Amino acid sequence: MANNNPLMCDPETGVCGVSDEGEMTMIDLNKPKKTIDLYYVTDPICSHCWALEPVLKRFIEQYGDYFNVRIVMGGLLEKWGDGPVDPANGISGPSDVAGHWREVGEQTRMPIDGTLWHDNPIHSSYPPSRVFKVIQQQDEALAETFLRRAREAVFAFNENIAQTSVLVDIVNKIGLNGEKIVEEAEQQSLDEDFSLAGNLGARGFPTIIMVNEENQGVKIVGGRGLEQYVSGLKQVLNKDELQAKEQPALTQLLEKEKRLFSKEIEVMYDVEQADVEEFVGKELASGDYEARELLGEAYFEMK
């Protein structure tokens, strides 16, 4: 009779608990070898890059063992000139951006305020890009954290991340010397990133390029669904199937990210918007987080 009591041990098999395996089986605990370079060409004030955060976060969490991520600054806005910046999209000056940003936020549900374009417009995306590069040269992970905090500041909380005081505050809050790094960033060149973006054929943001050891790859332009990035990864690896990691526990993810918007939780865990509050309540201890709302969207922060 099969032993279904995990506290009972079978003297014949030498197994405590349930076992339907033979005496010896082969297993593979090795992570996939990272043979792919993933280049993410982006910009701190790219609204569609902000909208991509939920999908990109899940893609990296589940398939990141296959690739190395390299974030490349693309230089979206050097400065405002006398003529139209993007006439095809009806953008001639700063105030025209506000409506575009709000539309992206409403369509994708990653909250975007955008009213700063009327009363405190960003003069250039180069200052936060330069700060990112300075931090990246010291610590890749902290640079990614800075970029995330900068995007939260400008999109959700309507702060002008081209201003020195705002940049200093963001850098201080990730544990670095804000004044020193922002001052150093004034001399930081972005030419290397711009050249790389050009060589990769990236002309719009976001652009993700995955390249294998034979320098063959795929380019995906614009914000896409998870399945398209997985399909691209399969193609560049020449594999029909990939081994996806389990999503991290919500408590682990929130501790790492510090702040998550509803859309990010929905995408990461396949949860409907109406069920997010209940899901969070089950996954997290009530004393560990605070639930807030911004522009009609829920978000959650570690206490």
C-alpha atoms as a PDB file:
ATOM      1  CA  MET A   1       0.000   0.000   0.000  1.00  0.00           C
ATOM      2  CA  ALA A   2       1.296   3.432  -0.887  1.00  0.00           C
ATOM      3  CA  ASN A   3       2.455   5.543   2.020  1.00  0.00           C
ATOM      4  CA  ASN A   4       0.602   8.886   1.900  1.00  0.00           C
ATOM      5  CA  ASN A   5       1.687  10.098   5.334  1.00  0.00           C
ATOM      6  CA  PRO A   6       4.679  12.456   4.979  1.00  0.00           C
ATOM      7  CA  LEU A   7       5.742  11.588   8.517  1.00  0.00           C
ATOM      8  CA  MET A   8       6.016   7.868   7.743  1.00  0.00           C
ATOM      9  CA  CYS A   9       9.163   6.423   6.192  1.00  0.00           C
ATOM     10  CA  ASP A  10       9.264   3.417   3.862  1.00  0.00           C
ATOM     11  CA  PRO A  11      12.011   0.967   4.929  1.00  0.00           C
ATOM     12  CA  GLU A  12      12.202  -0.516   1.394  1.00  0.00           C
ATOM     13  CA  THR A  13      12.743   2.730  -0.531  1.00  0.00           C
ATOM     14  CA  GLY A  14      14.368   4.671   2.272  1.00  0.00           C
ATOM     15  CA  VAL A  15      12.002   7.565   1.609  1.00  0.00           C
ATOM     16  CA  CYS A  16      10.061   9.553   4.164  1.00  0.00           C
ATOM     17  CA  GLY A  17       6.833  10.752   2.606  1.00  0.00           C
ATOM     18  CA  VAL A  18       5.445  10.209  -0.894  1.00  0.00           C
ATOM     19  CA  SER A  19       7.768   9.167  -3.717  1.00  0.00           C
ATOM     20  CA  ASP A  20       6.872   7.784  -7.139  1.00  0.00           C
ATOM     21  CA  GLU A  21      10.409   8.003  -8.538  1.00  0.00           C
ATOM     22  CA  GLY A  22      13.078   5.358  -8.976  1.00  0.00           C
ATOM     23  CA  GLU A  23      16.285   5.125  -7.003  1.00  0.00           C
ATOM     24  CA  MET A  24      18.145   7.567  -9.212  1.00  0.00           C
ATOM     25  CA  THR A  25      16.945  10.280 -11.612  1.00  0.00           C
ATOM     26  CA  MET A  26      18.803  13.028 -13.418  1.00  0.00           C
ATOM     27  CA  ILE A  27      17.985  16.647 -12.666  1.00  0.00           C
ATOM     28  CA  ASP A  28      19.440  19.914 -13.979  1.00  0.00           C
ATOM     29  CA  LEU A  29      19.715  22.819 -11.555  1.00  0.00           C
ATOM     30  CA  ASN A  30      21.905  24.909 -13.812  1.00  0.00           C
ATOM     31  CA  LYS A  31      20.570  28.242 -14.978  1.00  0.00           C
ATOM     32  CA  PRO A  32      20.588  28.793 -18.742  1.00  0.00           C
ATOM     33  CA  LYS A  33      23.835  30.275 -19.983  1.00  0.00           C
ATOM     34  CA  LYS A  34      23.361  33.970 -20.718  1.00  0.00           C
ATOM     35  CA  THR A  35      24.200  34.007 -24.407  1.00  0.00           C
ATOM     36  CA  ILE A  36      21.973  36.956 -25.353  1.00  0.00           C
ATOM     37  CA  ASP A  37      22.607  40.672 -24.971  1.00  0.00           C
ATOM     38  CA  LEU A  38      19.401  42.651 -24.602  1.00  0.00           C
ATOM     39  CA  TYR A  39      19.781  46.330 -25.449  1.00  0.00           C
ATOM     40  CA  TYR A  40      17.005  48.573 -24.186  1.00  0.00           C
ATOM     41  CA  VAL A  41      17.144  51.931 -25.956  1.00  0.00           C
ATOM     42  CA  THR A  42      15.120  54.381 -23.915  1.00  0.00           C
ATOM     43  CA  ASP A  43      14.889  57.843 -22.388  1.00  0.00           C
ATOM     44  CA  PRO A  44      13.836  59.061 -18.920  1.00  0.00           C
ATOM     45  CA  ILE A  45      10.907  61.084 -20.320  1.00  0.00           C
ATOM     46  CA  CYS A  46       9.661  58.518 -22.854  1.00  0.00           C
ATOM     47  CA  SER A  47       5.990  57.986 -21.950  1.00  0.00           C
ATOM     48  CA  HIS A  48       5.686  54.698 -23.823  1.00  0.00           C
ATOM     49  CA  CYS A  49       8.756  53.430 -21.949  1.00  0.00           C
ATOM     50  CA  TRP A  50       6.933  54.167 -18.692  1.00  0.00           C
ATOM     51  CA  ALA A  51       3.899  52.333 -20.053  1.00  0.00           C
ATOM     52  CA  LEU A  52       6.109  49.337 -20.893  1.00  0.00           C
ATOM     53  CA  GLU A  53       7.317  48.905 -17.295  1.00  0.00           C
ATOM     54  CA  PRO A  54       4.770  46.217 -16.286  1.00  0.00           C
ATOM     55  CA  VAL A  55       5.515  43.941 -19.265  1.00  0.00           C
ATOM     56  CA  LEU A  56       9.270  44.503 -19.237  1.00  0.00           C
ATOM     57  CA  LYS A  57       9.424  43.825 -15.501  1.00  0.00           C
ATOM     58  CA  ARG A  58       7.721  40.461 -15.932  1.00  0.00           C
ATOM     59  CA  PHE A  59       9.825  39.558 -18.979  1.00  0.00           C
ATOM     60  CA  ILE A  60      13.056  40.205 -17.082  1.00  0.00           C
ATOM     61  CA  GLU A  61      11.846  38.446 -13.925  1.00  0.00           C
ATOM     62  CA  GLN A  62      10.815  35.288 -15.775  1.00  0.00           C
ATOM     63  CA  TYR A  63      13.309  35.117 -18.640  1.00  0.00           C
ATOM     64  CA  GLY A  64      16.222  37.214 -17.419  1.00  0.00           C
ATOM     65  CA  ASP A  65      18.424  34.149 -16.961  1.00  0.00           C
ATOM     66  CA  TYR A  66      18.771  34.002 -20.738  1.00  0.00           C
ATOM     67  CA  PHE A  67      20.114  37.505 -21.308  1.00  0.00           C
ATOM     68  CA  ASN A  68      22.195  40.389 -20.037  1.00  0.00           C
ATOM     69  CA  VAL A  69      20.385  43.726 -19.995  1.00  0.00           C
ATOM     70  CA  ARG A  70      22.111  46.868 -21.195  1.00  0.00           C
ATOM     71  CA  ILE A  71      20.167  50.110 -20.950  1.00  0.00           C
ATOM     72  CA  VAL A  72      21.084  52.678 -23.597  1.00  0.00           C
ATOM     73  CA  MET A  73      20.114  56.342 -23.458  1.00  0.00           C
ATOM     74  CA  GLY A  74      18.600  57.521 -26.745  1.00  0.00           C
ATOM     75  CA  GLY A  75      18.370  61.294 -26.309  1.00  0.00           C
ATOM     76  CA  LEU A  76      14.685  62.060 -26.783  1.00  0.00           C
ATOM     77  CA  LEU A  77      14.851  65.817 -26.154  1.00  0.00           C
ATOM     78  CA  GLU A  78      18.070  67.809 -26.259  1.00  0.00           C
ATOM     79  CA  LYS A  79      16.286  71.163 -26.075  1.00  0.00           C
ATOM     80  CA  TRP A  80      13.288  73.053 -27.360  1.00  0.00           C
ATOM     81  CA  GLY A  81      13.972  75.075 -30.479  1.00  0.00           C
ATOM     82  CA  ASP A  82      12.063  77.650 -32.461  1.00  0.00           C
ATOM     83  CA  GLY A  83      10.392  75.130 -34.778  1.00  0.00           C
ATOM     84  CA  PRO A  84       8.168  72.053 -34.230  1.00  0.00           C
ATOM     85  CA  VAL A  85       9.883  69.163 -32.438  1.00  0.00           C
ATOM     86  CA  ASP A  86       7.529  66.395 -33.584  1.00  0.00           C
ATOM     87  CA  PRO A  87       5.023  67.822 -36.072  1.00  0.00           C
ATOM     88  CA  ALA A  88       3.802  64.349 -37.094  1.00  0.00           C
ATOM     89  CA  ASN A  89       2.366  63.943 -33.593  1.00  0.00           C
ATOM     90  CA  GLY A  90       1.268  67.554 -33.289  1.00  0.00           C
ATOM     91  CA  ILE A  91       4.051  68.531 -30.876  1.00  0.00           C
ATOM     92  CA  SER A  92       5.387  72.010 -31.526  1.00  0.00           C
ATOM     93  CA  GLY A  93       6.102  73.063 -27.945  1.00  0.00           C
ATOM     94  CA  PRO A  94       6.041  71.832 -24.332  1.00  0.00           C
ATOM     95  CA  SER A  95       2.312  72.355 -23.785  1.00  0.00           C
ATOM     96  CA  ASP A  96       1.520  69.964 -26.631  1.00  0.00           C
ATOM     97  CA  VAL A  97       3.167  67.109 -24.721  1.00  0.00           C
ATOM     98  CA  ALA A  98       0.717  67.252 -21.814  1.00  0.00           C
ATOM     99  CA  GLY A  99      -2.227  65.894 -23.780  1.00  0.00           C
ATOM    100  CA  HIS A 100      -0.110  63.199 -25.395  1.00  0.00           C
ATOM    101  CA  TRP A 101       1.203  62.023 -22.030  1.00  0.00           C
ATOM    102  CA  ARG A 102      -2.244  61.983 -20.454  1.00  0.00           C
ATOM    103  CA  GLU A 103      -3.581  59.950 -23.366  1.00  0.00           C
ATOM    104  CA  VAL A 104      -0.802  57.377 -22.965  1.00  0.00           C
ATOM    105  CA  GLY A 105      -1.515  57.149 -19.246  1.00  0.00           C
ATOM    106  CA  GLU A 106      -5.241  56.632 -19.785  1.00  0.00           C
ATOM    107  CA  GLN A 107      -4.730  54.015 -22.493  1.00  0.00           C
ATOM    108  CA  THR A 108      -2.101  51.973 -20.638  1.00  0.00           C
ATOM    109  CA  ARG A 109      -3.155  52.680 -17.027  1.00  0.00           C
ATOM    110  CA  MET A 110       0.361  53.549 -15.907  1.00  0.00           C
ATOM    111  CA  PRO A 111      -0.545  56.892 -14.309  1.00  0.00           C
ATOM    112  CA  ILE A 112       0.765  60.042 -15.965  1.00  0.00           C
ATOM    113  CA  ASP A 113      -0.064  63.532 -14.737  1.00  0.00           C
ATOM    114  CA  GLY A 114       1.683  65.673 -17.340  1.00  0.00           C
ATOM    115  CA  THR A 115       0.478  69.089 -16.174  1.00  0.00           C
ATOM    116  CA  LEU A 116       4.088  70.177 -15.545  1.00  0.00           C
ATOM    117  CA  TRP A 117       4.347  70.738 -19.296  1.00  0.00           C
ATOM    118  CA  HIS A 118       2.107  73.778 -18.822  1.00  0.00           C
ATOM    119  CA  ASP A 119       3.635  75.380 -15.739  1.00  0.00           C
ATOM    120  CA  ASN A 120       7.127  73.876 -15.269  1.00  0.00           C
ATOM    121  CA  PRO A 121       8.166  72.280 -18.575  1.00  0.00           C
ATOM    122  CA  ILE A 122      11.145  69.976 -18.904  1.00  0.00           C
ATOM    123  CA  HIS A 123      13.751  71.755 -20.999  1.00  0.00           C
ATOM    124  CA  SER A 124      15.751  68.614 -21.854  1.00  0.00           C
ATOM    125  CA  SER A 125      15.944  64.894 -21.127  1.00  0.00           C
ATOM    126  CA  TYR A 126      19.738  65.036 -21.183  1.00  0.00           C
ATOM    127  CA  PRO A 127      20.293  65.974 -17.478  1.00  0.00           C
ATOM    128  CA  PRO A 128      18.634  62.812 -16.070  1.00  0.00           C
ATOM    129  CA  SER A 129      20.224  60.749 -18.873  1.00  0.00           C
ATOM    130  CA  ARG A 130      23.675  62.003 -17.863  1.00  0.00           C
ATOM    131  CA  VAL A 131      23.011  61.229 -14.199  1.00  0.00           C
ATOM    132  CA  PHE A 132      21.949  57.716 -15.210  1.00  0.00           C
ATOM    133  CA  LYS A 133      25.225  57.235 -17.111  1.00  0.00           C
ATOM    134  CA  VAL A 134      27.360  58.371 -14.171  1.00  0.00           C
ATOM    135  CA  ILE A 135      25.619  55.929 -11.838  1.00  0.00           C
ATOM    136  CA  GLN A 136      25.680  53.146 -14.449  1.00  0.00           C
ATOM    137  CA  GLN A 137      29.460  53.392 -14.624  1.00  0.00           C
ATOM    138  CA  GLN A 138      29.572  52.687 -10.887  1.00  0.00           C
ATOM    139  CA  ASP A 139      26.688  50.277 -10.332  1.00  0.00           C
ATOM    140  CA  GLU A 140      24.313  48.935 -13.012  1.00  0.00           C
ATOM    141  CA  ALA A 141      21.610  47.931 -10.522  1.00  0.00           C
ATOM    142  CA  LEU A 142      21.579  51.333  -8.830  1.00  0.00           C
ATOM    143  CA  ALA A 143      21.397  53.027 -12.214  1.00  0.00           C
ATOM    144  CA  GLU A 144      18.268  51.019 -13.014  1.00  0.00           C
ATOM    145  CA  THR A 145      16.831  52.031  -9.627  1.00  0.00           C
ATOM    146  CA  PHE A 146      17.587  55.675 -10.369  1.00  0.00           C
ATOM    147  CA  LEU A 147      15.859  55.435 -13.753  1.00  0.00           C
ATOM    148  CA  ARG A 148      12.781  53.918 -12.150  1.00  0.00           C
ATOM    149  CA  ARG A 149      12.633  56.610  -9.437  1.00  0.00           C
ATOM    150  CA  ALA A 150      13.119  59.344 -12.040  1.00  0.00           C
ATOM    151  CA  ARG A 151      10.230  57.995 -14.082  1.00  0.00           C
ATOM    152  CA  GLU A 152       7.985  57.743 -11.061  1.00  0.00           C
ATOM    153  CA  ALA A 153       8.870  61.347 -10.223  1.00  0.00           C
ATOM    154  CA  VAL A 154       8.149  62.818 -13.640  1.00  0.00           C
ATOM    155  CA  PHE A 155       5.197  60.727 -14.810  1.00  0.00           C
ATOM    156  CA  ALA A 156       3.238  59.918 -11.670  1.00  0.00           C
ATOM    157  CA  PHE A 157       4.239  62.740  -9.335  1.00  0.00           C
ATOM    158  CA  ASN A 158       4.695  65.552 -11.856  1.00  0.00           C
ATOM    159  CA  GLU A 159       8.253  66.549 -10.901  1.00  0.00           C
ATOM    160  CA  ASN A 160      10.652  68.178 -13.342  1.00  0.00           C
ATOM    161  CA  ILE A 161      13.546  65.718 -13.511  1.00  0.00           C
ATOM    162  CA  ALA A 162      15.643  68.126 -15.552  1.00  0.00           C
ATOM    163  CA  GLN A 163      15.982  70.324 -12.465  1.00  0.00           C
ATOM    164  CA  THR A 164      19.111  69.933 -10.372  1.00  0.00           C
ATOM    165  CA  SER A 165      17.285  69.922  -7.034  1.00  0.00           C
ATOM    166  CA  VAL A 166      14.952  67.128  -8.126  1.00  0.00           C
ATOM    167  CA  LEU A 167      17.826  65.004  -9.452  1.00  0.00           C
ATOM    168  CA  VAL A 168      19.867  65.531  -6.284  1.00  0.00           C
ATOM    169  CA  ASP A 169      16.916  64.413  -4.159  1.00  0.00           C
ATOM    170  CA  ILE A 170      16.331  61.257  -6.219  1.00  0.00           C
ATOM    171  CA  VAL A 171      20.004  60.285  -6.099  1.00  0.00           C
ATOM    172  CA  ASN A 172      20.192  60.937  -2.349  1.00  0.00           C
ATOM    173  CA  LYS A 173      17.192  58.676  -1.783  1.00  0.00           C
ATOM    174  CA  ILE A 174      18.879  55.709  -3.498  1.00  0.00           C
ATOM    175  CA  GLY A 175      21.809  56.044  -1.093  1.00  0.00           C
ATOM    176  CA  LEU A 176      24.330  58.016  -3.155  1.00  0.00           C
ATOM    177  CA  ASN A 177      25.734  61.539  -2.886  1.00  0.00           C
ATOM    178  CA  GLY A 178      23.282  63.482  -4.994  1.00  0.00           C
ATOM    179  CA  GLU A 179      25.165  66.755  -5.228  1.00  0.00           C
ATOM    180  CA  LYS A 180      28.418  65.059  -6.186  1.00  0.00           C
ATOM    181  CA  ILE A 181      26.864  62.821  -8.851  1.00  0.00           C
ATOM    182  CA  VAL A 182      24.697  65.537 -10.403  1.00  0.00           C
ATOM    183  CA  GLU A 183      27.712  67.838 -10.560  1.00  0.00           C
ATOM    184  CA  GLU A 184      29.793  65.088 -12.179  1.00  0.00           C
ATOM    185  CA  ALA A 185      26.970  64.414 -14.641  1.00  0.00           C
ATOM    186  CA  GLU A 186      27.284  67.926 -16.075  1.00  0.00           C
ATOM    187  CA  GLN A 187      30.497  66.759 -17.782  1.00  0.00           C
ATOM    188  CA  GLN A 188      29.140  63.332 -18.784  1.00  0.00           C
ATOM    189  CA  SER A 189      28.970  62.654 -22.511  1.00  0.00           C
ATOM    190  CA  LEU A 190      26.097  60.707 -24.018  1.00  0.00           C
ATOM    191  CA  ASP A 191      27.806  60.280 -27.386  1.00  0.00           C
ATOM    192  CA  GLU A 192      28.719  56.631 -26.798  1.00  0.00           C
ATOM    193  CA  ASP A 193      25.111  55.713 -26.113  1.00  0.00           C
ATOM    194  CA  PHE A 194      23.831  57.742 -29.049  1.00  0.00           C
ATOM    195  CA  SER A 195      26.348  56.050 -31.350  1.00  0.00           C
ATOM    196  CA  LEU A 196      25.372  52.599 -30.081  1.00  0.00           C
ATOM    197  CA  ALA A 197      21.663  53.364 -30.493  1.00  0.00           C
ATOM    198  CA  GLY A 198      22.361  54.450 -34.065  1.00  0.00           C
ATOM    199  CA  ASN A 199      24.379  51.317 -34.826  1.00  0.00           C
ATOM    200  CA  LEU A 200      21.537  49.209 -33.439  1.00  0.00           C
ATOM    201  CA  GLY A 201      19.112  50.967 -35.754  1.00  0.00           C
ATOM    202  CA  ALA A 202      17.039  52.387 -32.893  1.00  0.00           C
ATOM    203  CA  ARG A 203      15.172  55.474 -34.054  1.00  0.00           C
ATOM    204  CA  GLY A 204      12.213  55.434 -31.695  1.00  0.00           C
ATOM    205  CA  PHE A 205      11.631  54.577 -28.046  1.00  0.00           C
ATOM    206  CA  PRO A 206      11.221  52.089 -26.574  1.00  0.00           C
ATOM    207  CA  THR A 207      13.330  49.808 -28.756  1.00  0.00           C
ATOM    208  CA  ILE A 208      14.514  46.414 -27.544  1.00  0.00           C
ATOM    209  CA  ILE A 209      17.183  44.564 -29.491  1.00  0.00           C
ATOM    210  CA  MET A 210      18.197  41.009 -28.567  1.00  0.00           C
ATOM    211  CA  VAL A 211      21.480  39.792 -30.074  1.00  0.00           C
ATOM    212  CA  ASN A 212      23.025  36.303 -29.900  1.00  0.00           C
ATOM    213  CA  GLU A 213      26.648  35.136 -30.009  1.00  0.00           C
ATOM    214  CA  GLU A 214      26.611  35.166 -33.822  1.00  0.00           C
ATOM    215  CA  ASN A 215      25.602  38.854 -33.744  1.00  0.00           C
ATOM    216  CA  GLN A 216      22.191  37.974 -35.128  1.00  0.00           C
ATOM    217  CA  GLY A 217      19.156  39.329 -33.421  1.00  0.00           C
ATOM    218  CA  VAL A 218      15.676  40.762 -33.388  1.00  0.00           C
ATOM    219  CA  LYS A 219      14.509  44.337 -32.965  1.00  0.00           C
ATOM    220  CA  ILE A 220      11.169  45.132 -31.339  1.00  0.00           C
ATOM    221  CA  VAL A 221      10.035  48.746 -31.561  1.00  0.00           C
ATOM    222  CA  GLY A 222       7.362  50.262 -29.345  1.00  0.00           C
ATOM    223  CA  GLY A 223       5.575  48.862 -26.322  1.00  0.00           C
ATOM    224  CA  ARG A 224       4.448  45.292 -26.999  1.00  0.00           C
ATOM    225  CA  GLY A 225       2.888  42.412 -25.098  1.00  0.00           C
ATOM    226  CA  LEU A 226       4.860  39.834 -23.148  1.00  0.00           C
ATOM    227  CA  GLU A 227       4.300  37.139 -25.771  1.00  0.00           C
ATOM    228  CA  GLN A 228       6.086  39.204 -28.419  1.00  0.00           C
ATOM    229  CA  TYR A 229       9.223  39.583 -26.334  1.00  0.00           C
ATOM    230  CA  VAL A 230       9.172  35.875 -25.491  1.00  0.00           C
ATOM    231  CA  SER A 231       8.716  35.054 -29.182  1.00  0.00           C
ATOM    232  CA  GLY A 232      11.642  37.294 -30.074  1.00  0.00           C
ATOM    233  CA  LEU A 233      13.823  35.631 -27.468  1.00  0.00           C
ATOM    234  CA  LYS A 234      12.920  32.179 -28.814  1.00  0.00           C
ATOM    235  CA  GLN A 235      13.799  33.329 -32.301  1.00  0.00           C
ATOM    236  CA  VAL A 236      17.193  34.705 -31.389  1.00  0.00           C
ATOM    237  CA  LEU A 237      17.976  31.601 -29.317  1.00  0.00           C
ATOM    238  CA  ASN A 238      16.604  29.317 -32.056  1.00  0.00           C
ATOM    239  CA  LYS A 239      14.509  27.460 -29.482  1.00  0.00           C
ATOM    240  CA  ASP A 240      10.898  26.331 -29.556  1.00  0.00           C
ATOM    241  CA  GLU A 241      10.492  26.377 -25.800  1.00  0.00           C
ATOM    242  CA  LEU A 242      11.996  28.424 -22.966  1.00  0.00           C
ATOM    243  CA  GLN A 243      12.098  27.745 -19.257  1.00  0.00           C
ATOM    244  CA  ALA A 244      10.248  30.547 -17.495  1.00  0.00           C
ATOM    245  CA  LYS A 245      10.985  31.182 -13.844  1.00  0.00           C
ATOM    246  CA  GLU A 246       8.120  31.487 -11.403  1.00  0.00           C
ATOM    247  CA  GLN A 247       7.074  35.030 -10.711  1.00  0.00           C
ATOM    248  CA  PRO A 248       8.579  36.339  -7.472  1.00  0.00           C
ATOM    249  CA  ALA A 249       6.318  36.483  -4.450  1.00  0.00           C
ATOM    250  CA  LEU A 250       4.600  39.856  -4.196  1.00  0.00           C
ATOM    251  CA  THR A 251       6.264  40.557  -0.858  1.00  0.00           C
ATOM    252  CA  GLN A 252       9.662  39.978  -2.465  1.00  0.00           C
ATOM    253  CA  LEU A 253       8.855  42.125  -5.492  1.00  0.00           C
ATOM    254  CA  LEU A 254       7.476  45.027  -3.466  1.00  0.00           C
ATOM    255  CA  GLU A 255      10.439  44.945  -1.111  1.00  0.00           C
ATOM    256  CA  LYS A 256      12.716  45.218  -4.151  1.00  0.00           C
ATOM    257  CA  GLU A 257      10.747  47.858  -6.064  1.00  0.00           C
ATOM    258  CA  LYS A 258       9.413  49.831  -3.040  1.00  0.00           C
ATOM    259  CA  ARG A 259       6.393  50.983  -5.063  1.00  0.00           C
ATOM    260  CA  LEU A 260       4.130  49.085  -7.475  1.00  0.00           C
ATOM    261  CA  PHE A 261       1.193  50.379  -9.468  1.00  0.00           C
ATOM    262  CA  SER A 262      -1.921  48.285  -9.954  1.00  0.00           C
ATOM    263  CA  LYS A 263      -1.164  47.631 -13.620  1.00  0.00           C
ATOM    264  CA  GLU A 264       2.231  46.171 -12.712  1.00  0.00           C
ATOM    265  CA  ILE A 265       0.655  43.720 -10.277  1.00  0.00           C
ATOM    266  CA  GLU A 266      -2.031  42.769 -12.794  1.00  0.00           C
ATOM    267  CA  VAL A 267       0.518  41.986 -15.493  1.00  0.00           C
ATOM    268  CA  MET A 268       3.003  40.231 -13.228  1.00  0.00           C
ATOM    269  CA  TYR A 269       0.464  37.904 -11.605  1.00  0.00           C
ATOM    270  CA  ASP A 270      -2.336  37.673 -14.197  1.00  0.00           C
ATOM    271  CA  VAL A 271      -4.786  39.381 -11.859  1.00  0.00           C
ATOM    272  CA  GLU A 272      -7.831  41.339 -12.970  1.00  0.00           C
ATOM    273  CA  GLN A 273      -7.932  45.011 -11.968  1.00  0.00           C
ATOM    274  CA  ALA A 274     -11.017  44.453  -9.809  1.00  0.00           C
ATOM    275  CA  ASP A 275      -9.208  41.707  -7.877  1.00  0.00           C
ATOM    276  CA  VAL A 276      -5.920  43.504  -7.159  1.00  0.00           C
ATOM    277  CA  GLU A 277      -6.867  44.806  -3.711  1.00  0.00           C
ATOM    278  CA  GLU A 278      -7.981  41.351  -2.569  1.00  0.00           C
ATOM    279  CA  PHE A 279      -4.855  39.747  -4.060  1.00  0.00           C
ATOM    280  CA  VAL A 280      -2.562  42.206  -2.288  1.00  0.00           C
ATOM    281  CA  GLY A 281      -4.417  41.674   0.992  1.00  0.00           C
ATOM    282  CA  LYS A 282      -3.812  37.929   0.768  1.00  0.00           C
ATOM    283  CA  GLU A 283      -0.165  38.180  -0.272  1.00  0.00           C
ATOM    284  CA  LEU A 284       1.034  40.906   2.094  1.00  0.00           C
ATOM    285  CA  ALA A 285       0.727  41.491   5.819  1.00  0.00           C
ATOM    286  CA  SER A 286      -1.394  44.578   6.428  1.00  0.00           C
ATOM    287  CA  GLY A 287       1.328  46.250   8.484  1.00  0.00           C
ATOM    288  CA  ASP A 288       3.928  45.939   5.729  1.00  0.00           C
ATOM    289  CA  TYR A 289       2.433  48.194   3.066  1.00  0.00           C
ATOM    290  CA  GLU A 290       0.299  51.224   2.385  1.00  0.00           C
ATOM    291  CA  ALA A 291      -2.362  51.359  -0.334  1.00  0.00           C
ATOM    292  CA  ARG A 292      -2.736  54.695  -2.098  1.00  0.00           C
ATOM    293  CA  GLU A 293      -4.450  56.120  -5.160  1.00  0.00           C
ATOM    294  CA  LEU A 294      -3.197  58.445  -7.879  1.00  0.00           C
ATOM    295  CA  LEU A 295      -5.110  59.667 -10.944  1.00  0.00           C
ATOM    296  CA  GLY A 296      -7.702  56.964 -10.385  1.00  0.00           C
ATOM    297  CA  GLU A 297      -5.119  54.175 -10.155  1.00  0.00           C
ATOM    298  CA  ALA A 298      -4.203  52.202  -7.027  1.00  0.00           C
ATOM    299  CA  TYR A 299      -0.599  51.774  -6.010  1.00  0.00           C
ATOM    300  CA  PHE A 300       1.160  50.131  -3.098  1.00  0.00           C
ATOM    301  CA  GLU A 301       4.243  51.117  -1.124  1.00  0.00           C
ATOM    302  CA  MET A 302       6.388  49.373   1.451  1.00  0.00           C
ATOM    303  CA  LYS A 303       6.144  51.001   4.878  1.00  0.00           C
END
